[in-house]
């Protein structure tokens, strides 16, 4: 092969890898997997579903930008996170508008919202490196991390070039243990899970960038089940990894799509819905694929980047559509 042909082949290979990474498909889809990795599971059976038409009733003066997160509280109120001028919005169970939340807080890279078992709202901002806890009156009760401070760049940043472990580098998601401990997926810059006490003190961390078990490439979503298993969407590696609450690796799953977002239903029989590119996949807590729904598109009934997802029960799913700037409420048959 002539030298220029070799260079062309190399450029094509690098371009393919770049596209794969941009879509979050993982470096091992169709390629060589690391030792111990689970084989790709067979294609899922299609699930029947329909979209609730015009679910959200937005006031005339509010428009949403990229919709990247959603969560529900115990009253069925729906929280929607978007990257517009009013990022956090609250709706009644019927989709009627209640209020916007968090005016005055720094919002540079809205990434996700979650509601904890005590009905506190948590907001994750990848751009400011912050995880914020709001109480039921929507007052801030806790802030984890520290946002960048441009005015100290020439002193503190150069002096302390590596962020302290209690700080984040573009965090993505949060969940909680039964004792109130806090688990943060961190995230784009870091490749770890950080565990905090209920008082907000760092207890431990695990993970680094890589492809081996317990390593991550964009830990993008995290949930916990009733048996205290932690499920981490290792998006760019195209897998879900399972840990105990001390960070010990249990297993990994490849479910037929790169996991962007995960939700888990209440008990006693828990299932998970996994948002991906162009589809939503239903799995059980053993990693068995129970079905899949959707195809890629920009209109209701199709999916683009399902960046956030909520599932208050097995037959209801809320899908945050990043590219289409909308939230879909789905009824799964």
Protein backbone atom coordinates (compact mmCIF):
# COMPACT_ATOMS: atom_id res chain seq x y z
CA UNK A 1 0.00 0.00 0.00
CA UNK A 2 1.37 3.40 -0.91
CA UNK A 3 2.04 5.90 1.88
CA UNK A 4 -0.77 8.24 0.86
CA UNK A 5 -3.23 5.33 0.85
CA UNK A 6 -2.15 4.38 4.35
CA UNK A 7 -2.66 7.96 5.51
CA UNK A 8 -6.10 8.07 3.92
CA UNK A 9 -7.11 4.83 5.65
CA UNK A 10 -5.85 6.15 8.96
CA UNK A 11 -7.80 9.39 8.54
CA UNK A 12 -10.97 7.43 7.74
CA UNK A 13 -10.49 5.28 10.84
CA UNK A 14 -10.01 8.32 13.04
CA UNK A 15 -13.09 9.99 11.52
CA UNK A 16 -15.17 6.89 12.25
CA UNK A 17 -13.99 6.85 15.86
CA UNK A 18 -14.80 10.54 16.24
CA UNK A 19 -18.34 10.10 14.92
CA UNK A 20 -18.84 7.08 17.18
CA UNK A 21 -17.69 9.04 20.22
CA UNK A 22 -19.86 12.04 19.34
CA UNK A 23 -22.96 9.85 19.20
CA UNK A 24 -22.02 8.09 22.42
CA UNK A 25 -22.07 4.69 20.75
CA UNK A 26 -18.98 3.40 22.51
CA UNK A 27 -15.64 2.28 21.20
CA UNK A 28 -16.54 -1.40 21.34
CA UNK A 29 -19.74 -1.60 19.30
CA UNK A 30 -18.73 -3.95 16.53
CA UNK A 31 -15.07 -3.90 17.62
CA UNK A 32 -12.80 -5.69 20.06
CA UNK A 33 -14.08 -5.72 23.62
CA UNK A 34 -11.88 -5.71 26.70
CA UNK A 35 -11.33 -8.88 28.70
CA UNK A 36 -14.34 -9.75 30.83
CA UNK A 37 -16.78 -7.57 28.90
CA UNK A 38 -20.26 -8.92 28.31
CA UNK A 39 -21.26 -9.80 24.76
CA UNK A 40 -23.80 -7.64 22.94
CA UNK A 41 -27.31 -8.87 23.69
CA UNK A 42 -29.76 -9.75 20.89
CA UNK A 43 -32.12 -7.14 19.50
CA UNK A 44 -35.02 -6.34 21.83
CA UNK A 45 -38.63 -7.11 20.98
CA UNK A 46 -40.61 -3.96 20.09
CA UNK A 47 -42.79 -2.42 22.80
CA UNK A 48 -46.16 -0.87 21.99
CA UNK A 49 -46.58 2.70 23.24
CA UNK A 50 -48.34 5.96 22.48
CA UNK A 51 -47.53 9.58 23.15
CA UNK A 52 -49.86 11.76 25.23
CA UNK A 53 -50.67 14.62 22.86
CA UNK A 54 -49.78 18.17 23.97
CA UNK A 55 -49.02 17.06 27.51
CA UNK A 56 -47.14 20.18 28.70
CA UNK A 57 -49.18 23.39 28.78
CA UNK A 58 -46.57 26.14 28.65
CA UNK A 59 -47.51 29.77 29.27
CA UNK A 60 -47.26 32.06 26.26
CA UNK A 61 -44.14 33.77 27.59
CA UNK A 62 -42.11 30.57 28.12
CA UNK A 63 -40.34 28.51 25.50
CA UNK A 64 -37.97 25.65 26.24
CA UNK A 65 -34.62 25.02 24.61
CA UNK A 66 -32.84 21.64 24.75
CA UNK A 67 -34.82 19.46 27.17
CA UNK A 68 -32.22 17.45 29.07
CA UNK A 69 -33.82 16.21 32.29
CA UNK A 70 -37.08 15.29 34.01
CA UNK A 71 -38.21 13.94 37.38
CA UNK A 72 -41.42 13.43 39.39
CA UNK A 73 -42.14 13.93 43.08
CA UNK A 74 -44.51 11.89 45.27
CA UNK A 75 -47.45 14.12 44.28
CA UNK A 76 -46.91 13.43 40.59
CA UNK A 77 -45.59 16.92 39.88
CA UNK A 78 -43.35 16.88 36.81
CA UNK A 79 -40.06 18.79 36.83
CA UNK A 80 -38.51 19.58 33.46
CA UNK A 81 -34.98 20.84 32.89
CA UNK A 82 -34.10 22.69 29.71
CA UNK A 83 -31.31 24.96 28.50
CA UNK A 84 -33.48 28.03 27.90
CA UNK A 85 -33.83 31.21 29.95
CA UNK A 86 -35.97 29.48 32.63
CA UNK A 87 -34.22 26.14 33.04
CA UNK A 88 -36.24 24.45 35.82
CA UNK A 89 -40.01 24.24 35.28
CA UNK A 90 -42.67 22.53 37.41
CA UNK A 91 -45.98 21.14 36.12
CA UNK A 92 -49.04 19.49 37.64
CA UNK A 93 -49.69 15.81 36.90
CA UNK A 94 -52.01 16.88 34.06
CA UNK A 95 -49.26 18.97 32.46
CA UNK A 96 -50.54 22.40 33.52
CA UNK A 97 -47.83 24.87 34.44
CA UNK A 98 -47.08 25.69 38.09
CA UNK A 99 -43.89 27.77 38.22
CA UNK A 100 -40.27 28.23 37.24
CA UNK A 101 -37.63 27.49 39.87
CA UNK A 102 -34.17 28.73 40.73
CA UNK A 103 -34.13 32.30 39.49
CA UNK A 104 -30.77 33.84 40.31
CA UNK A 105 -28.74 30.63 40.53
CA UNK A 106 -25.85 30.15 38.07
CA UNK A 107 -26.92 27.99 35.14
CA UNK A 108 -24.24 27.41 32.56
CA UNK A 109 -24.71 23.79 31.57
CA UNK A 110 -28.03 22.37 32.86
CA UNK A 111 -27.66 18.61 32.78
CA UNK A 112 -30.27 16.81 34.89
CA UNK A 113 -32.84 17.04 37.68
CA UNK A 114 -33.76 14.36 40.21
CA UNK A 115 -36.15 14.14 43.16
CA UNK A 116 -34.96 12.27 46.26
CA UNK A 117 -37.14 10.08 48.54
CA UNK A 118 -37.92 13.09 50.76
CA UNK A 119 -39.22 15.10 47.75
CA UNK A 120 -36.22 17.41 47.63
CA UNK A 121 -35.31 18.57 44.13
CA UNK A 122 -31.69 18.19 42.98
CA UNK A 123 -30.24 20.13 40.06
CA UNK A 124 -27.01 19.11 38.32
CA UNK A 125 -25.11 21.70 36.27
CA UNK A 126 -22.18 20.36 34.28
CA UNK A 127 -21.01 23.83 33.27
CA UNK A 128 -20.69 25.26 36.78
CA UNK A 129 -19.53 21.94 38.33
CA UNK A 130 -22.34 22.15 40.92
CA UNK A 131 -24.96 19.81 42.38
CA UNK A 132 -27.68 21.76 44.20
CA UNK A 133 -30.37 20.53 46.59
CA UNK A 134 -33.69 22.42 46.92
CA UNK A 135 -36.21 21.71 49.66
CA UNK A 136 -39.95 21.44 48.96
CA UNK A 137 -40.26 25.23 49.16
CA UNK A 138 -37.54 25.43 46.49
CA UNK A 139 -34.95 27.03 48.72
CA UNK A 140 -31.36 25.83 48.38
CA UNK A 141 -30.35 23.52 51.24
CA UNK A 142 -27.04 22.10 50.02
CA UNK A 143 -24.47 22.78 47.30
CA UNK A 144 -21.85 20.19 46.36
CA UNK A 145 -18.82 21.16 44.29
CA UNK A 146 -17.50 24.59 43.48
CA UNK A 147 -18.00 26.65 40.36
CA UNK A 148 -15.07 28.08 38.37
CA UNK A 149 -14.05 31.58 39.43
CA UNK A 150 -12.56 33.50 36.49
CA UNK A 151 -11.12 36.27 38.66
CA UNK A 152 -8.84 33.79 40.47
CA UNK A 153 -7.54 32.03 37.37
CA UNK A 154 -4.03 33.49 37.48
CA UNK A 155 -3.60 32.53 41.13
CA UNK A 156 -5.69 29.66 42.42
CA UNK A 157 -6.08 27.72 39.16
CA UNK A 158 -2.39 27.76 38.34
CA UNK A 159 -1.54 27.20 41.99
CA UNK A 160 -3.95 24.27 42.25
CA UNK A 161 -4.24 22.97 38.71
CA UNK A 162 -5.90 19.69 39.67
CA UNK A 163 -9.41 20.04 41.20
CA UNK A 164 -9.77 18.88 44.77
CA UNK A 165 -11.57 15.50 45.14
CA UNK A 166 -14.64 17.13 46.69
CA UNK A 167 -15.04 19.27 43.55
CA UNK A 168 -16.43 18.11 40.23
CA UNK A 169 -15.39 18.33 36.61
CA UNK A 170 -18.65 18.46 34.64
CA UNK A 171 -20.92 16.23 36.78
CA UNK A 172 -23.90 14.53 35.16
CA UNK A 173 -26.29 12.91 37.68
CA UNK A 174 -27.04 12.06 41.32
CA UNK A 175 -28.76 9.36 43.40
CA UNK A 176 -29.00 8.48 47.12
CA UNK A 177 -28.53 5.52 49.42
CA UNK A 178 -31.02 4.51 52.13
CA UNK A 179 -28.81 6.13 54.79
CA UNK A 180 -28.91 9.47 52.98
CA UNK A 181 -25.51 9.07 51.33
CA UNK A 182 -25.18 10.87 48.01
CA UNK A 183 -23.69 9.38 44.84
CA UNK A 184 -22.63 11.75 42.05
CA UNK A 185 -21.74 10.64 38.53
CA UNK A 186 -18.78 12.87 37.63
CA UNK A 187 -18.88 12.95 34.57
CA UNK A 188 -17.45 14.44 31.38
CA UNK A 189 -14.12 15.75 32.69
CA UNK A 190 -13.69 13.26 35.51
CA UNK A 191 -14.54 9.59 35.05
CA UNK A 192 -15.68 8.54 38.49
CA UNK A 193 -18.47 8.12 40.99
CA UNK A 194 -18.11 10.24 44.15
CA UNK A 195 -19.83 9.19 47.39
CA UNK A 196 -20.76 11.84 49.97
CA UNK A 197 -22.31 11.58 53.42
CA UNK A 198 -25.77 13.03 54.00
CA UNK A 199 -23.98 16.08 55.44
CA UNK A 200 -22.18 16.61 52.13
CA UNK A 201 -18.72 15.35 53.10
CA UNK A 202 -16.75 13.29 50.60
CA UNK A 203 -16.45 9.68 51.78
CA UNK A 204 -14.83 7.96 48.82
CA UNK A 205 -14.59 7.87 45.04
CA UNK A 206 -13.97 5.20 42.43
CA UNK A 207 -13.27 4.98 38.72
CA UNK A 208 -10.95 6.56 36.18
CA UNK A 209 -11.02 6.94 32.41
CA UNK A 210 -10.73 3.59 30.65
CA UNK A 211 -12.59 0.55 29.37
CA UNK A 212 -11.90 -2.08 32.04
CA UNK A 213 -14.49 -3.07 34.65
CA UNK A 214 -14.86 -0.21 37.13
CA UNK A 215 -13.46 2.34 34.69
CA UNK A 216 -15.59 4.87 32.81
CA UNK A 217 -15.81 6.96 29.69
CA UNK A 218 -18.57 9.47 30.43
CA UNK A 219 -20.55 8.11 33.39
CA UNK A 220 -23.73 9.88 32.28
CA UNK A 221 -26.55 8.63 34.54
CA UNK A 222 -26.85 6.81 37.87
CA UNK A 223 -29.70 5.12 39.78
CA UNK A 224 -30.01 2.79 42.78
CA UNK A 225 -32.44 -0.09 43.37
CA UNK A 226 -34.08 -1.41 46.52
CA UNK A 227 -31.23 -3.89 47.03
CA UNK A 228 -28.68 -1.06 47.03
CA UNK A 229 -27.24 -1.89 43.64
CA UNK A 230 -25.91 1.16 41.79
CA UNK A 231 -26.38 1.25 38.01
CA UNK A 232 -24.10 3.62 36.08
CA UNK A 233 -24.67 4.49 32.41
CA UNK A 234 -21.12 4.31 31.06
CA UNK A 235 -22.21 6.04 27.88
CA UNK A 236 -19.14 6.27 25.65
CA UNK A 237 -18.21 2.68 26.57
CA UNK A 238 -21.69 1.54 25.48
CA UNK A 239 -22.53 -0.31 28.70
CA UNK A 240 -24.22 -0.20 32.10
CA UNK A 241 -21.99 -1.06 35.04
CA UNK A 242 -23.34 -2.36 38.36
CA UNK A 243 -21.69 -1.67 41.75
CA UNK A 244 -22.47 -1.96 45.42
CA UNK A 245 -22.59 1.21 47.49
CA UNK A 246 -18.90 0.88 48.40
CA UNK A 247 -17.89 0.92 44.74
CA UNK A 248 -17.18 -2.79 44.32
CA UNK A 249 -17.77 -3.85 40.72
CA UNK A 250 -20.42 -6.52 40.18
CA UNK A 251 -21.12 -6.82 36.46
CA UNK A 252 -21.64 -4.95 33.21
CA UNK A 253 -24.40 -5.12 30.61
CA UNK A 254 -24.57 -4.27 26.94
CA UNK A 255 -28.22 -3.88 26.06
CA UNK A 256 -28.23 -2.97 22.38
CA UNK A 257 -27.71 0.79 22.62
CA UNK A 258 -25.49 3.35 24.31
CA UNK A 259 -27.08 4.29 27.67
CA UNK A 260 -27.68 8.04 27.95
CA UNK A 261 -30.20 8.08 30.79
CA UNK A 262 -31.66 5.60 33.28
CA UNK A 263 -34.75 5.58 35.46
CA UNK A 264 -35.98 2.86 37.80
CA UNK A 265 -39.56 2.22 38.90
CA UNK A 266 -40.72 1.90 42.52
CA UNK A 267 -41.05 -1.62 43.94
CA UNK A 268 -41.80 -4.29 44.68
CA UNK A 269 -40.91 -5.42 41.13
CA UNK A 270 -38.51 -2.87 39.75
CA UNK A 271 -37.67 -2.37 36.10
CA UNK A 272 -35.52 0.22 34.37
CA UNK A 273 -35.99 2.28 31.23
CA UNK A 274 -32.83 3.35 29.46
CA UNK A 275 -32.83 6.35 27.13
CA UNK A 276 -30.54 6.01 24.14
CA UNK A 277 -30.16 7.45 20.63
CA UNK A 278 -33.44 6.98 18.78
CA UNK A 279 -34.95 4.54 21.27
CA UNK A 280 -35.88 3.66 24.83
CA UNK A 281 -34.96 0.21 26.14
CA UNK A 282 -36.71 -1.62 28.99
CA UNK A 283 -34.62 -3.95 31.18
CA UNK A 284 -34.98 -5.74 34.48
CA UNK A 285 -32.58 -5.51 37.42
CA UNK A 286 -30.68 -8.56 36.14
CA UNK A 287 -29.89 -6.79 32.88
CA UNK A 288 -32.37 -8.79 30.81
CA UNK A 289 -33.76 -6.77 27.92
CA UNK A 290 -37.57 -6.78 28.11
CA UNK A 291 -38.24 -4.69 25.03
CA UNK A 292 -37.44 -1.56 23.08
CA UNK A 293 -39.50 1.24 21.58
CA UNK A 294 -39.04 3.97 19.03
CA UNK A 295 -36.92 4.98 16.09
CA UNK A 296 -34.84 8.06 15.37
CA UNK A 297 -36.74 11.23 14.47
CA UNK A 298 -37.65 14.75 15.53
CA UNK A 299 -41.44 14.44 15.95
CA UNK A 300 -43.59 12.91 18.72
CA UNK A 301 -43.58 9.14 18.44
CA UNK A 302 -39.90 9.11 17.53
CA UNK A 303 -36.81 9.78 19.64
CA UNK A 304 -33.57 11.67 19.16
CA UNK A 305 -31.11 11.95 22.09
CA UNK A 306 -33.06 10.77 25.15
CA UNK A 307 -30.90 12.75 27.57
CA UNK A 308 -33.18 12.39 30.61
CA UNK A 309 -35.89 9.92 31.58
CA UNK A 310 -38.38 9.28 34.40
CA UNK A 311 -40.62 6.26 35.05
CA UNK A 312 -43.03 6.58 38.00
CA UNK A 313 -44.43 3.15 37.12
CA UNK A 314 -43.85 0.40 34.59
CA UNK A 315 -46.42 1.77 32.13
CA UNK A 316 -45.53 5.48 32.16
CA UNK A 317 -42.34 7.04 30.84
CA UNK A 318 -41.29 10.68 30.49
CA UNK A 319 -38.57 11.16 27.85
CA UNK A 320 -36.50 14.36 27.65
CA UNK A 321 -35.63 14.99 23.99
CA UNK A 322 -32.47 17.08 23.71
CA UNK A 323 -32.43 17.75 19.98
CA UNK A 324 -36.17 18.32 19.59
CA UNK A 325 -36.51 20.62 22.64
CA UNK A 326 -39.50 18.75 24.08
CA UNK A 327 -40.68 16.36 26.78
CA UNK A 328 -42.78 13.35 25.77
CA UNK A 329 -45.11 11.54 28.14
CA UNK A 330 -45.45 7.95 26.97
CA UNK A 331 -47.94 5.26 27.90
CA UNK A 332 -46.39 1.82 27.46
CA UNK A 333 -48.86 -0.99 26.70
